[in-house]
């Protein structure tokens, strides 16, 4: 009964997320439901337990989220990200727009840049290339889907899922190492083979470039200027590499590594920064607003998780999960996937699953457990209930039903689950876990 109640509460908050109810309200309502069911003290439950979890998470991650948002915003306003996108897409060419979008998206995702920033930078350029090559808009969705799942799963990079797992399991962002890199390269190769096969099917049916569907899509009219003024692509790439190098070579705190990246952008792209106080103030304000929204959304889920952990039935649920007849890696594969799928978010799935899984991590190689959890968080989070997918298709001007199963589901659910299983299998084969 206790497990059913807790699962019901997780499903309820997931429904709120799906219906776009602000997570702060959803977290408080779902926490209140649990508090009433278990006859807990309402004042203590909301003001101490829930707010304690929320504030504790915000206190721990606020600087990181703020620096990450500032990093992405600076790359956007200087034109650095745009310059890199144009260079990559110019190299790959109109016939390989999906590969160009994949590479660019993976680089920005690995650097910790927001998915929305990536969309608004690369989609307008990519769609103009699609029009030039008479390629279907689905190619851009395919490249983005593969790239985002690649960038978020890499070791050594300061992405949220990687950092969260390191915090919970006592590891670092390099967890999984070269084996994880190998599996991700395999994921990229297989994914691109599938995309090319799908593009040939579209071409054979005569389904080339078409005008955007619906409203709210990015306009793609006008010719594409691949020589637009802006910082050199190398001065755009270096700031993305700086945090990764500093973080893994010097082993400093991730906040300091991201600060080094911010400084690198300012130094290398200074001439492209706004040169008025008001515009620079706006950049800072926008980055703060972005980071606060992101951290409140995550912290609201963490607060709800804190209430769950204080419910009398929590330890019963933990014992049942940990008593599963299988390896610790299989435990996190199943648990993280299910919770991320219910929540419709990889990060929300992690912050709900990780506290439960800490005991399982101690039973095996922590680094392998860390990487398996990251891989697992990126699987079922891309079910149709994930709100971001609807937004992505709206911005791209494609029908959700036309691209979900042949592209999004195939690449970000099926292939992503297989990637995790391959990694687990290699860990077992090599005796790592």
Protein backbone atom coordinates (compact mmCIF):
# COMPACT_ATOMS: atom_id res chain seq x y z
CA UNK A 1 0.00 0.00 0.00
CA UNK A 2 2.82 2.40 0.90
CA UNK A 3 4.49 1.88 -2.48
CA UNK A 4 1.19 2.49 -4.29
CA UNK A 5 0.69 5.77 -2.40
CA UNK A 6 4.18 7.04 -3.21
CA UNK A 7 3.91 6.00 -6.86
CA UNK A 8 0.52 7.71 -7.01
CA UNK A 9 2.07 10.91 -5.65
CA UNK A 10 4.85 10.80 -8.25
CA UNK A 11 2.28 10.24 -11.02
CA UNK A 12 0.23 13.18 -9.70
CA UNK A 13 3.17 15.61 -9.82
CA UNK A 14 4.00 14.27 -13.29
CA UNK A 15 0.47 15.08 -14.46
CA UNK A 16 0.91 18.60 -13.11
CA UNK A 17 4.17 18.89 -15.06
CA UNK A 18 2.48 17.61 -18.21
CA UNK A 19 -0.32 20.15 -17.82
CA UNK A 20 2.31 22.90 -17.40
CA UNK A 21 1.32 23.65 -13.80
CA UNK A 22 4.25 25.58 -12.23
CA UNK A 23 6.34 23.01 -10.37
CA UNK A 24 6.36 25.10 -7.18
CA UNK A 25 2.58 24.85 -6.90
CA UNK A 26 2.58 21.24 -8.05
CA UNK A 27 5.26 20.32 -5.52
CA UNK A 28 3.40 21.97 -2.64
CA UNK A 29 0.05 20.39 -3.56
CA UNK A 30 1.49 16.88 -3.97
CA UNK A 31 3.47 17.25 -0.74
CA UNK A 32 0.33 18.35 1.07
CA UNK A 33 -1.52 15.28 -0.24
CA UNK A 34 1.15 12.98 1.20
CA UNK A 35 1.26 14.88 4.48
CA UNK A 36 -2.52 14.49 4.91
CA UNK A 37 -2.53 10.80 3.90
CA UNK A 38 0.18 9.96 6.45
CA UNK A 39 -1.26 12.29 9.14
CA UNK A 40 1.99 14.23 9.35
CA UNK A 41 2.15 17.70 10.91
CA UNK A 42 1.26 20.15 8.13
CA UNK A 43 3.38 23.03 9.44
CA UNK A 44 6.44 20.85 9.90
CA UNK A 45 5.85 19.07 6.58
CA UNK A 46 5.57 22.21 4.47
CA UNK A 47 7.79 24.74 6.24
CA UNK A 48 10.55 22.47 7.49
CA UNK A 49 10.64 19.35 5.32
CA UNK A 50 9.43 20.67 1.94
CA UNK A 51 11.03 24.11 2.17
CA UNK A 52 14.13 22.56 3.73
CA UNK A 53 14.61 20.36 0.66
CA UNK A 54 13.85 23.22 -1.73
CA UNK A 55 16.11 25.75 -0.05
CA UNK A 56 18.88 23.21 0.47
CA UNK A 57 18.96 22.38 -3.24
CA UNK A 58 18.85 26.06 -4.24
CA UNK A 59 21.65 26.88 -1.80
CA UNK A 60 23.85 24.12 -3.20
CA UNK A 61 23.24 24.76 -6.91
CA UNK A 62 22.31 28.46 -7.31
CA UNK A 63 25.80 29.68 -8.27
CA UNK A 64 26.29 26.79 -10.70
CA UNK A 65 22.94 27.38 -12.44
CA UNK A 66 23.55 31.14 -12.61
CA UNK A 67 27.02 30.76 -14.13
CA UNK A 68 25.68 28.19 -16.60
CA UNK A 69 22.90 30.53 -17.70
CA UNK A 70 25.35 33.44 -18.00
CA UNK A 71 27.71 31.27 -20.05
CA UNK A 72 24.97 30.41 -22.51
CA UNK A 73 23.62 33.97 -22.67
CA UNK A 74 27.07 35.42 -23.43
CA UNK A 75 27.60 32.94 -26.26
CA UNK A 76 24.24 33.99 -27.61
CA UNK A 77 24.66 37.80 -27.45
CA UNK A 78 28.21 37.83 -28.82
CA UNK A 79 27.14 35.73 -31.78
CA UNK A 80 29.68 33.10 -30.79
CA UNK A 81 27.22 30.21 -30.83
CA UNK A 82 25.77 31.44 -34.12
CA UNK A 83 29.26 31.61 -35.65
CA UNK A 84 30.03 28.04 -34.58
CA UNK A 85 26.69 26.80 -35.92
CA UNK A 86 27.28 28.42 -39.32
CA UNK A 87 30.79 26.98 -39.54
CA UNK A 88 29.70 23.44 -38.70
CA UNK A 89 26.70 23.54 -41.04
CA UNK A 90 28.83 25.09 -43.77
CA UNK A 91 31.31 22.19 -43.47
CA UNK A 92 28.67 19.45 -43.43
CA UNK A 93 26.68 21.17 -46.19
CA UNK A 94 22.96 21.17 -47.05
CA UNK A 95 22.96 17.46 -47.89
CA UNK A 96 24.15 16.59 -44.36
CA UNK A 97 22.20 19.13 -42.36
CA UNK A 98 21.17 16.48 -39.80
CA UNK A 99 24.83 15.69 -39.04
CA UNK A 100 25.68 19.39 -38.70
CA UNK A 101 22.76 19.99 -36.34
CA UNK A 102 23.73 16.90 -34.33
CA UNK A 103 27.37 18.00 -33.89
CA UNK A 104 26.45 21.58 -32.97
CA UNK A 105 23.71 20.51 -30.55
CA UNK A 106 25.98 17.96 -28.85
CA UNK A 107 28.73 20.58 -28.36
CA UNK A 108 26.36 23.11 -26.80
CA UNK A 109 24.61 20.47 -24.65
CA UNK A 110 27.97 19.21 -23.37
CA UNK A 111 28.96 22.80 -22.56
CA UNK A 112 25.82 23.16 -20.44
CA UNK A 113 24.00 25.57 -22.78
CA UNK A 114 20.19 25.52 -22.55
CA UNK A 115 18.32 23.39 -25.10
CA UNK A 116 16.08 26.34 -25.91
CA UNK A 117 19.08 28.57 -26.71
CA UNK A 118 20.39 25.81 -28.97
CA UNK A 119 17.06 25.58 -30.81
CA UNK A 120 16.76 29.29 -31.46
CA UNK A 121 20.33 29.51 -32.74
CA UNK A 122 20.56 26.45 -34.98
CA UNK A 123 17.00 25.93 -36.28
CA UNK A 124 16.75 29.09 -38.44
CA UNK A 125 20.10 28.32 -40.11
CA UNK A 126 19.33 24.61 -40.52
CA UNK A 127 15.90 25.15 -42.09
CA UNK A 128 17.33 27.53 -44.68
CA UNK A 129 19.83 24.82 -45.59
CA UNK A 130 16.96 22.33 -45.81
CA UNK A 131 15.17 24.63 -48.23
CA UNK A 132 18.35 24.98 -50.30
CA UNK A 133 18.79 21.18 -50.51
CA UNK A 134 15.03 20.43 -50.70
CA UNK A 135 15.43 18.34 -47.53
CA UNK A 136 12.57 17.59 -45.17
CA UNK A 137 12.28 19.53 -41.91
CA UNK A 138 12.41 16.18 -40.13
CA UNK A 139 16.17 16.12 -40.76
CA UNK A 140 16.63 18.99 -38.32
CA UNK A 141 14.51 17.32 -35.63
CA UNK A 142 16.52 14.11 -36.13
CA UNK A 143 19.88 15.85 -35.80
CA UNK A 144 18.76 17.78 -32.73
CA UNK A 145 17.30 14.68 -31.03
CA UNK A 146 20.48 12.65 -31.54
CA UNK A 147 22.77 15.54 -30.58
CA UNK A 148 21.00 16.48 -27.36
CA UNK A 149 21.05 12.87 -26.13
CA UNK A 150 24.71 12.58 -27.04
CA UNK A 151 25.85 15.81 -25.36
CA UNK A 152 23.94 15.16 -22.13
CA UNK A 153 25.40 11.66 -21.71
CA UNK A 154 29.10 12.37 -22.19
CA UNK A 155 31.55 11.98 -19.31
CA UNK A 156 33.94 14.81 -18.34
CA UNK A 157 31.39 17.55 -19.12
CA UNK A 158 29.64 19.91 -16.64
CA UNK A 159 26.04 19.10 -17.62
CA UNK A 160 23.36 19.03 -14.92
CA UNK A 161 22.72 15.26 -14.96
CA UNK A 162 26.43 14.51 -14.71
CA UNK A 163 26.93 16.94 -11.84
CA UNK A 164 23.85 15.74 -9.94
CA UNK A 165 24.98 12.10 -10.10
CA UNK A 166 28.47 13.06 -8.93
CA UNK A 167 26.94 14.84 -5.95
CA UNK A 168 24.66 11.95 -4.96
CA UNK A 169 27.06 9.04 -5.56
CA UNK A 170 30.35 10.58 -4.41
CA UNK A 171 31.93 10.35 -7.86
CA UNK A 172 33.11 13.02 -10.32
CA UNK A 173 32.08 14.11 -13.81
CA UNK A 174 34.63 11.79 -15.43
CA UNK A 175 32.73 8.72 -14.15
CA UNK A 176 32.45 6.06 -16.82
CA UNK A 177 35.53 7.36 -18.61
CA UNK A 178 36.64 6.04 -21.97
CA UNK A 179 34.13 3.18 -21.97
CA UNK A 180 31.30 5.72 -21.84
CA UNK A 181 32.94 7.70 -24.67
CA UNK A 182 33.14 4.52 -26.78
CA UNK A 183 29.47 3.71 -26.18
CA UNK A 184 28.48 7.28 -27.07
CA UNK A 185 30.49 7.16 -30.32
CA UNK A 186 28.70 3.91 -31.16
CA UNK A 187 25.40 5.65 -30.34
CA UNK A 188 26.31 8.51 -32.73
CA UNK A 189 27.30 6.19 -35.58
CA UNK A 190 24.21 3.98 -35.32
CA UNK A 191 21.98 7.01 -34.91
CA UNK A 192 23.35 8.70 -38.03
CA UNK A 193 23.00 5.48 -40.05
CA UNK A 194 19.34 5.35 -39.03
CA UNK A 195 18.80 9.05 -39.84
CA UNK A 196 20.35 8.68 -43.30
CA UNK A 197 18.16 5.64 -43.97
CA UNK A 198 15.08 7.59 -42.90
CA UNK A 199 16.04 10.61 -45.02
CA UNK A 200 16.34 8.35 -48.08
CA UNK A 201 12.84 7.02 -47.40
CA UNK A 202 11.48 10.56 -47.24
CA UNK A 203 13.25 11.49 -50.48
CA UNK A 204 11.92 8.36 -52.21
CA UNK A 205 8.38 9.41 -51.27
CA UNK A 206 9.00 12.90 -52.65
CA UNK A 207 8.73 14.47 -49.20
CA UNK A 208 11.21 17.31 -49.50
CA UNK A 209 11.18 20.77 -47.98
CA UNK A 210 7.74 22.10 -47.03
CA UNK A 211 6.56 25.35 -45.46
CA UNK A 212 6.29 25.41 -41.68
CA UNK A 213 3.18 23.90 -40.13
CA UNK A 214 1.14 25.87 -37.61
CA UNK A 215 1.93 29.06 -35.75
CA UNK A 216 4.78 29.83 -33.38
CA UNK A 217 7.39 28.38 -35.72
CA UNK A 218 10.74 29.96 -36.57
CA UNK A 219 10.64 31.89 -39.84
CA UNK A 220 13.10 30.72 -42.50
CA UNK A 221 12.44 33.18 -45.30
CA UNK A 222 15.33 34.94 -47.03
CA UNK A 223 18.71 33.73 -48.17
CA UNK A 224 21.23 32.32 -45.72
CA UNK A 225 24.40 34.36 -45.24
CA UNK A 226 27.05 31.84 -44.18
CA UNK A 227 29.60 34.65 -43.87
CA UNK A 228 27.69 36.69 -41.29
CA UNK A 229 29.87 38.90 -39.12
CA UNK A 230 30.76 37.62 -35.69
CA UNK A 231 33.58 36.09 -33.66
CA UNK A 232 35.72 33.41 -35.28
CA UNK A 233 34.42 29.90 -34.63
CA UNK A 234 37.63 28.98 -32.78
CA UNK A 235 37.08 31.78 -30.26
CA UNK A 236 33.59 30.33 -29.80
CA UNK A 237 34.76 26.76 -29.30
CA UNK A 238 37.60 27.54 -26.85
CA UNK A 239 35.31 28.87 -24.07
CA UNK A 240 33.29 25.64 -24.31
CA UNK A 241 36.43 23.55 -23.90
CA UNK A 242 37.89 25.59 -21.04
CA UNK A 243 35.47 24.37 -18.30
CA UNK A 244 35.90 20.75 -19.42
CA UNK A 245 39.71 20.98 -19.37
CA UNK A 246 39.91 22.89 -16.09
CA UNK A 247 37.38 20.60 -14.43
CA UNK A 248 39.11 17.34 -15.38
CA UNK A 249 42.77 18.39 -15.32
CA UNK A 250 42.86 20.62 -12.26
CA UNK A 251 39.94 18.93 -10.43
CA UNK A 252 38.57 22.23 -9.16
CA UNK A 253 34.94 22.89 -8.23
CA UNK A 254 32.58 22.98 -11.17
CA UNK A 255 31.49 26.54 -10.34
CA UNK A 256 35.09 27.71 -10.72
CA UNK A 257 35.40 25.79 -13.99
CA UNK A 258 32.30 27.49 -15.41
CA UNK A 259 33.60 30.87 -14.22
CA UNK A 260 36.76 30.21 -16.24
CA UNK A 261 34.55 29.59 -19.26
CA UNK A 262 32.69 32.87 -18.70
CA UNK A 263 35.98 34.75 -18.41
CA UNK A 264 37.22 33.07 -21.61
CA UNK A 265 34.17 34.35 -23.51
CA UNK A 266 34.65 37.88 -22.18
CA UNK A 267 38.35 37.92 -23.06
CA UNK A 268 38.12 36.25 -26.49
CA UNK A 269 34.91 37.90 -27.66
CA UNK A 270 35.11 41.25 -25.87
CA UNK A 271 34.65 43.32 -29.04
CA UNK A 272 31.34 41.57 -29.72
CA UNK A 273 29.88 42.20 -26.27
CA UNK A 274 27.38 45.06 -25.84
CA UNK A 275 29.31 48.25 -25.06
CA UNK A 276 26.61 50.01 -23.08
CA UNK A 277 25.83 49.48 -19.41
CA UNK A 278 22.09 49.08 -20.06
CA UNK A 279 22.58 46.25 -22.58
CA UNK A 280 25.10 44.47 -20.35
CA UNK A 281 22.76 44.87 -17.39
CA UNK A 282 20.04 43.24 -19.49
CA UNK A 283 22.33 40.30 -20.26
CA UNK A 284 22.95 39.79 -16.55
CA UNK A 285 19.25 40.17 -15.73
CA UNK A 286 18.21 37.68 -18.42
CA UNK A 287 20.74 35.11 -17.24
CA UNK A 288 19.58 35.49 -13.63
CA UNK A 289 15.93 35.14 -14.62
CA UNK A 290 16.76 32.04 -16.64
CA UNK A 291 18.77 30.46 -13.83
CA UNK A 292 16.16 31.24 -11.15
CA UNK A 293 13.38 29.71 -13.23
CA UNK A 294 15.46 26.60 -13.85
CA UNK A 295 16.57 26.14 -10.26
CA UNK A 296 13.12 26.79 -8.78
CA UNK A 297 11.63 24.18 -11.11
CA UNK A 298 14.24 21.62 -10.03
CA UNK A 299 14.19 22.64 -6.34
CA UNK A 300 10.40 22.34 -6.19
CA UNK A 301 10.74 18.68 -7.24
CA UNK A 302 13.55 18.16 -4.71
CA UNK A 303 11.33 19.59 -1.96
CA UNK A 304 8.63 17.11 -2.91
CA UNK A 305 11.27 14.36 -2.84
CA UNK A 306 12.23 15.43 0.69
CA UNK A 307 8.61 14.98 1.80
CA UNK A 308 8.55 11.52 0.20
CA UNK A 309 11.74 10.58 2.08
CA UNK A 310 10.11 11.57 5.36
CA UNK A 311 6.94 9.57 4.78
CA UNK A 312 6.60 6.38 6.88
CA UNK A 313 6.29 4.30 3.71
CA UNK A 314 9.50 5.57 2.13
CA UNK A 315 11.86 2.99 3.61
CA UNK A 316 9.44 0.22 2.63
CA UNK A 317 9.65 1.43 -0.97
CA UNK A 318 13.46 1.65 -0.78
CA UNK A 319 13.73 -1.86 0.62
CA UNK A 320 11.50 -3.20 -2.17
CA UNK A 321 13.52 -1.47 -4.87
CA UNK A 322 16.83 -2.64 -3.42
CA UNK A 323 15.54 -6.20 -2.99
CA UNK A 324 15.06 -6.49 -6.75
CA UNK A 325 16.72 -9.67 -7.98
CA UNK A 326 19.32 -8.18 -10.27
CA UNK A 327 22.55 -6.24 -10.42
CA UNK A 328 22.71 -2.70 -8.97
CA UNK A 329 23.12 -1.41 -12.53
CA UNK A 330 19.84 -3.07 -13.54
CA UNK A 331 18.18 -1.56 -10.47
CA UNK A 332 19.13 1.97 -11.49
CA UNK A 333 18.31 1.25 -15.16
CA UNK A 334 14.74 0.29 -14.27
CA UNK A 335 14.10 2.74 -11.42
CA UNK A 336 15.59 5.84 -13.08
CA UNK A 337 13.92 5.16 -16.41
CA UNK A 338 10.51 4.66 -14.84
CA UNK A 339 10.69 7.76 -12.64
CA UNK A 340 12.10 9.94 -15.45
CA UNK A 341 9.37 8.62 -17.73
CA UNK A 342 6.64 9.40 -15.21
CA UNK A 343 8.09 12.84 -14.49
CA UNK A 344 8.72 13.60 -18.18
CA UNK A 345 12.13 15.02 -17.33
CA UNK A 346 15.58 13.50 -16.99
CA UNK A 347 16.68 15.92 -14.25
CA UNK A 348 13.41 15.51 -12.32
CA UNK A 349 13.79 11.75 -12.61
CA UNK A 350 17.32 11.98 -11.23
CA UNK A 351 16.51 14.13 -8.22
CA UNK A 352 13.66 11.79 -7.29
CA UNK A 353 15.51 8.52 -7.95
CA UNK A 354 19.06 9.30 -6.78
CA UNK A 355 18.37 9.50 -3.01
CA UNK A 356 16.73 6.06 -3.20
CA UNK A 357 19.58 4.66 -5.28
CA UNK A 358 22.46 5.83 -3.07
CA UNK A 359 22.43 2.54 -1.18
CA UNK A 360 22.51 0.55 -4.42
CA UNK A 361 25.50 2.61 -5.65
CA UNK A 362 27.49 1.41 -2.65
CA UNK A 363 27.02 -2.20 -3.77
CA UNK A 364 28.96 -1.87 -7.03
CA UNK A 365 31.47 0.27 -8.91
CA UNK A 366 30.24 3.80 -8.17
CA UNK A 367 31.57 5.26 -11.45
CA UNK A 368 29.77 2.63 -13.55
CA UNK A 369 26.62 3.16 -11.48
CA UNK A 370 26.89 6.94 -12.01
CA UNK A 371 27.16 6.61 -15.81
CA UNK A 372 24.39 4.01 -16.02
CA UNK A 373 22.10 6.36 -14.07
CA UNK A 374 22.89 9.25 -16.43
CA UNK A 375 22.17 7.04 -19.45
CA UNK A 376 18.95 5.74 -17.87
CA UNK A 377 17.68 9.24 -17.07
CA UNK A 378 17.72 10.09 -20.80
CA UNK A 379 15.53 7.19 -21.97
CA UNK A 380 11.87 7.26 -21.02
CA UNK A 381 11.99 11.01 -20.27
CA UNK A 382 11.20 11.47 -23.99
CA UNK A 383 7.75 9.88 -23.95
CA UNK A 384 4.93 11.93 -25.56
CA UNK A 385 4.10 13.46 -22.17
CA UNK A 386 7.38 15.43 -22.17
CA UNK A 387 6.31 19.04 -22.72
CA UNK A 388 9.60 20.09 -24.30
CA UNK A 389 9.02 17.80 -27.28
CA UNK A 390 5.74 19.53 -28.11
CA UNK A 391 7.49 22.91 -27.90
CA UNK A 392 10.35 21.71 -30.10
CA UNK A 393 7.97 20.56 -32.84
CA UNK A 394 5.97 23.78 -32.65
CA UNK A 395 9.11 25.89 -33.08
CA UNK A 396 10.26 23.63 -35.94
CA UNK A 397 6.93 23.92 -37.73
CA UNK A 398 6.31 20.16 -37.98
CA UNK A 399 3.41 17.99 -36.87
CA UNK A 400 4.21 16.12 -33.68
CA UNK A 401 2.55 12.93 -34.94
CA UNK A 402 4.66 12.99 -38.13
CA UNK A 403 8.03 13.00 -36.39
CA UNK A 404 7.51 11.48 -32.94
CA UNK A 405 7.61 7.72 -33.60
CA UNK A 406 9.92 7.56 -36.66
CA UNK A 407 12.43 10.08 -35.26
CA UNK A 408 12.09 11.24 -31.65
CA UNK A 409 10.94 7.91 -30.18
CA UNK A 410 13.38 5.87 -32.29
CA UNK A 411 16.41 8.01 -31.44
CA UNK A 412 15.76 9.32 -27.93
CA UNK A 413 13.90 6.35 -26.44
CA UNK A 414 14.71 3.11 -28.29
CA UNK A 415 18.32 3.87 -29.24
CA UNK A 416 18.99 5.58 -25.91
CA UNK A 417 17.75 2.56 -23.95
CA UNK A 418 19.93 0.30 -26.11
CA UNK A 419 22.93 2.56 -25.40
CA UNK A 420 22.43 2.08 -21.67
CA UNK A 421 22.04 -1.70 -22.04
CA UNK A 422 25.20 -1.90 -24.17
CA UNK A 423 27.14 0.05 -21.54
CA UNK A 424 25.84 -2.22 -18.77
CA UNK A 425 26.71 -5.29 -20.82
CA UNK A 426 30.26 -4.08 -21.44
CA UNK A 427 30.68 -3.30 -17.74
CA UNK A 428 29.66 -6.87 -16.90
CA UNK A 429 31.86 -8.32 -19.64
CA UNK A 430 34.91 -6.35 -18.48
CA UNK A 431 34.24 -7.09 -14.82
CA UNK A 432 33.80 -3.39 -13.97
CA UNK A 433 30.47 -3.92 -12.19
